[in-house]
């Protein structure tokens, strides 16, 4: 689908990137050093498979937990810092991070013993971005985290209680468009931009 979009629009450029490959990130930084970014959106993440998500503590895959921390928490911080100047060069530049309610200590939806590595990585991501927001405010950049909702991204039958990607994305686009400097450092719902507790 992305290739089809790019083939019909010369303004769309596709770059391949493993977000944990810092050398490749450095190459892209050099390639786009003079490019203004109106929006930097960090979306890459590792999510657990449905069955393994319900594993208890004695079944946690610690190698996957380390990888989840690298991809879900460290990489967004590195990318945001790397391209901060590009975003700061824009009028009302924005950095948007796709997080999750399961990384929240305050959201009632997260009161269950599951998804250890994913939840921990998203909680780490939230704190890193909360902290980074003190820097972005000094640079005229608005940084916000979004929960995309419970999105059906796997193949097969849609699970009860999930939404399709099109619904999540269309609503997030509205929230992103309405972001102002007052939203800097906030964790928001995809649905209506409501605050989510940390």
Protein backbone atom coordinates (compact mmCIF):
# COMPACT_ATOMS: atom_id res chain seq x y z
CA UNK A 1 0.00 0.00 0.00
CA UNK A 2 2.81 2.40 0.88
CA UNK A 3 4.61 1.69 -2.38
CA UNK A 4 1.36 2.35 -4.25
CA UNK A 5 0.96 5.70 -2.51
CA UNK A 6 4.54 6.68 -3.28
CA UNK A 7 4.21 5.74 -6.93
CA UNK A 8 1.39 8.26 -7.31
CA UNK A 9 2.90 11.08 -5.27
CA UNK A 10 6.43 12.35 -5.84
CA UNK A 11 6.44 14.05 -2.43
CA UNK A 12 6.38 10.66 -0.65
CA UNK A 13 9.83 9.20 -0.01
CA UNK A 14 10.21 5.74 1.54
CA UNK A 15 13.27 4.97 3.66
CA UNK A 16 14.02 1.56 5.13
CA UNK A 17 15.00 1.73 8.78
CA UNK A 18 15.57 -0.59 11.70
CA UNK A 19 15.08 1.90 14.54
CA UNK A 20 17.76 0.19 16.63
CA UNK A 21 20.35 0.64 13.86
CA UNK A 22 21.93 3.87 15.04
CA UNK A 23 24.40 3.94 12.12
CA UNK A 24 21.49 3.97 9.66
CA UNK A 25 19.79 6.69 11.71
CA UNK A 26 23.00 8.74 11.46
CA UNK A 27 22.99 8.27 7.67
CA UNK A 28 19.42 9.57 7.48
CA UNK A 29 20.30 12.49 9.74
CA UNK A 30 23.03 13.48 7.31
CA UNK A 31 20.80 12.94 4.27
CA UNK A 32 18.01 15.14 5.68
CA UNK A 33 20.11 17.61 7.66
CA UNK A 34 18.62 20.60 5.80
CA UNK A 35 15.07 19.24 5.69
CA UNK A 36 12.40 20.84 7.87
CA UNK A 37 10.15 18.34 9.65
CA UNK A 38 6.69 19.64 10.50
CA UNK A 39 5.97 16.34 12.23
CA UNK A 40 8.15 13.50 13.49
CA UNK A 41 5.99 10.49 14.34
CA UNK A 42 7.52 7.55 16.20
CA UNK A 43 5.40 4.46 15.61
CA UNK A 44 7.74 1.45 15.44
CA UNK A 45 7.26 -1.07 18.25
CA UNK A 46 7.45 -4.72 19.21
CA UNK A 47 4.18 -6.13 20.47
CA UNK A 48 3.72 -9.58 22.01
CA UNK A 49 1.92 -12.35 20.20
CA UNK A 50 -1.58 -12.98 21.53
CA UNK A 51 -0.77 -16.20 23.40
CA UNK A 52 2.56 -15.10 24.86
CA UNK A 53 0.95 -11.86 26.06
CA UNK A 54 -0.83 -13.81 28.78
CA UNK A 55 2.34 -15.46 30.16
CA UNK A 56 2.92 -15.03 33.87
CA UNK A 57 6.19 -13.83 35.41
CA UNK A 58 7.87 -17.23 35.38
CA UNK A 59 7.39 -17.44 31.62
CA UNK A 60 8.71 -14.00 30.67
CA UNK A 61 11.07 -14.07 27.69
CA UNK A 62 13.85 -11.84 29.00
CA UNK A 63 15.64 -11.64 25.66
CA UNK A 64 12.42 -10.29 24.16
CA UNK A 65 12.05 -7.94 27.14
CA UNK A 66 15.47 -6.42 26.41
CA UNK A 67 14.64 -6.09 22.72
CA UNK A 68 11.29 -4.49 23.59
CA UNK A 69 13.08 -1.90 25.72
CA UNK A 70 15.49 -1.11 22.88
CA UNK A 71 12.79 -0.80 20.21
CA UNK A 72 9.89 0.64 22.20
CA UNK A 73 11.72 3.02 24.54
CA UNK A 74 15.34 3.74 23.61
CA UNK A 75 14.81 4.03 19.85
CA UNK A 76 12.07 6.72 20.03
CA UNK A 77 14.24 8.77 22.36
CA UNK A 78 17.22 8.42 20.03
CA UNK A 79 15.19 9.31 16.93
CA UNK A 80 13.58 12.29 18.64
CA UNK A 81 16.93 13.63 19.79
CA UNK A 82 18.56 12.96 16.40
CA UNK A 83 15.95 14.88 14.40
CA UNK A 84 15.09 17.50 17.01
CA UNK A 85 16.75 20.29 15.02
CA UNK A 86 14.73 19.40 11.92
CA UNK A 87 11.49 19.68 13.88
CA UNK A 88 12.58 22.84 15.70
CA UNK A 89 13.17 24.49 12.31
CA UNK A 90 9.45 24.23 11.52
CA UNK A 91 6.74 26.61 12.59
CA UNK A 92 4.85 24.74 15.31
CA UNK A 93 6.93 21.59 14.85
CA UNK A 94 5.57 18.47 16.54
CA UNK A 95 6.96 15.18 17.79
CA UNK A 96 4.30 12.53 18.29
CA UNK A 97 4.99 9.24 20.03
CA UNK A 98 2.65 6.26 19.75
CA UNK A 99 2.47 4.76 23.22
CA UNK A 100 -0.12 2.58 24.96
CA UNK A 101 -2.48 2.74 27.92
CA UNK A 102 -0.99 -0.52 29.21
CA UNK A 103 2.16 1.49 30.01
CA UNK A 104 0.12 3.74 32.33
CA UNK A 105 0.13 3.26 36.10
CA UNK A 106 -3.12 5.19 36.41
CA UNK A 107 -5.30 3.86 33.58
CA UNK A 108 -7.83 1.34 34.87
CA UNK A 109 -7.54 -0.68 31.66
CA UNK A 110 -4.06 -1.76 32.75
CA UNK A 111 -4.96 -3.60 35.97
CA UNK A 112 -4.02 -7.16 35.01
CA UNK A 113 -0.92 -9.43 35.20
CA UNK A 114 0.13 -9.76 31.57
CA UNK A 115 2.34 -8.29 28.83
CA UNK A 116 5.25 -7.76 31.22
CA UNK A 117 7.91 -6.73 28.72
CA UNK A 118 5.59 -4.66 26.52
CA UNK A 119 4.02 -2.77 29.42
CA UNK A 120 7.41 -2.08 31.02
CA UNK A 121 8.86 -0.82 27.73
CA UNK A 122 5.89 1.52 27.20
CA UNK A 123 6.13 2.80 30.78
CA UNK A 124 9.81 3.52 30.15
CA UNK A 125 8.90 5.25 26.89
CA UNK A 126 6.36 7.43 28.69
CA UNK A 127 8.89 8.56 31.28
CA UNK A 128 11.55 9.26 28.66
CA UNK A 129 9.15 11.42 26.65
CA UNK A 130 7.81 13.13 29.77
CA UNK A 131 11.41 14.07 30.55
CA UNK A 132 12.25 15.04 26.96
CA UNK A 133 9.29 17.43 26.94
CA UNK A 134 11.22 19.75 29.25
CA UNK A 135 13.75 20.10 26.42
CA UNK A 136 11.25 20.43 23.59
CA UNK A 137 9.51 23.32 25.35
CA UNK A 138 12.79 25.24 25.22
CA UNK A 139 13.07 24.62 21.46
CA UNK A 140 9.54 25.57 20.46
CA UNK A 141 8.63 21.95 19.73
CA UNK A 142 5.42 20.29 20.92
CA UNK A 143 5.89 16.71 22.04
CA UNK A 144 2.87 14.52 22.78
CA UNK A 145 2.22 10.83 23.29
CA UNK A 146 -0.87 9.15 21.87
CA UNK A 147 -2.63 5.95 22.80
CA UNK A 148 -3.96 4.53 19.51
CA UNK A 149 -6.61 2.39 21.19
CA UNK A 150 -6.86 -1.39 21.00
CA UNK A 151 -6.16 -1.80 17.30
CA UNK A 152 -6.66 -4.98 15.30
CA UNK A 153 -3.33 -5.31 13.48
CA UNK A 154 -2.99 -9.10 13.25
CA UNK A 155 -4.23 -11.22 10.38
CA UNK A 156 -7.41 -13.19 10.79
CA UNK A 157 -10.72 -12.48 12.47
CA UNK A 158 -11.08 -9.17 14.28
CA UNK A 159 -11.10 -9.65 18.05
CA UNK A 160 -13.95 -8.27 20.13
CA UNK A 161 -13.29 -4.82 21.54
CA UNK A 162 -10.70 -3.90 18.93
CA UNK A 163 -10.90 -1.19 16.29
CA UNK A 164 -9.56 -1.21 12.75
CA UNK A 165 -6.40 0.75 11.91
CA UNK A 166 -8.33 3.16 9.68
CA UNK A 167 -10.48 4.31 12.60
CA UNK A 168 -7.52 4.73 14.94
CA UNK A 169 -5.42 6.63 12.40
CA UNK A 170 -8.20 8.92 11.23
CA UNK A 171 -8.95 9.97 14.80
CA UNK A 172 -5.28 10.37 15.70
CA UNK A 173 -4.79 12.66 12.72
CA UNK A 174 -7.46 14.99 14.11
CA UNK A 175 -5.80 15.03 17.54
CA UNK A 176 -2.35 15.63 16.01
CA UNK A 177 -3.64 18.48 13.87
CA UNK A 178 -5.12 20.16 16.95
CA UNK A 179 -1.98 19.90 19.12
CA UNK A 180 -0.74 23.18 20.58
CA UNK A 181 2.25 24.04 22.80
CA UNK A 182 -0.08 23.59 25.79
CA UNK A 183 -0.14 19.87 24.97
CA UNK A 184 3.63 19.54 25.30
CA UNK A 185 4.51 16.57 27.49
CA UNK A 186 0.97 15.17 27.60
CA UNK A 187 -0.27 11.61 27.11
CA UNK A 188 -3.50 11.73 25.09
CA UNK A 189 -6.26 9.46 23.82
CA UNK A 190 -6.58 8.87 20.08
CA UNK A 191 -10.33 9.27 20.37
CA UNK A 192 -10.77 12.82 21.58
CA UNK A 193 -7.41 14.04 22.85
CA UNK A 194 -8.40 13.45 26.47
CA UNK A 195 -5.59 13.25 29.00
CA UNK A 196 -4.44 9.77 30.04
CA UNK A 197 -2.85 9.45 33.50
CA UNK A 198 0.79 8.41 33.67
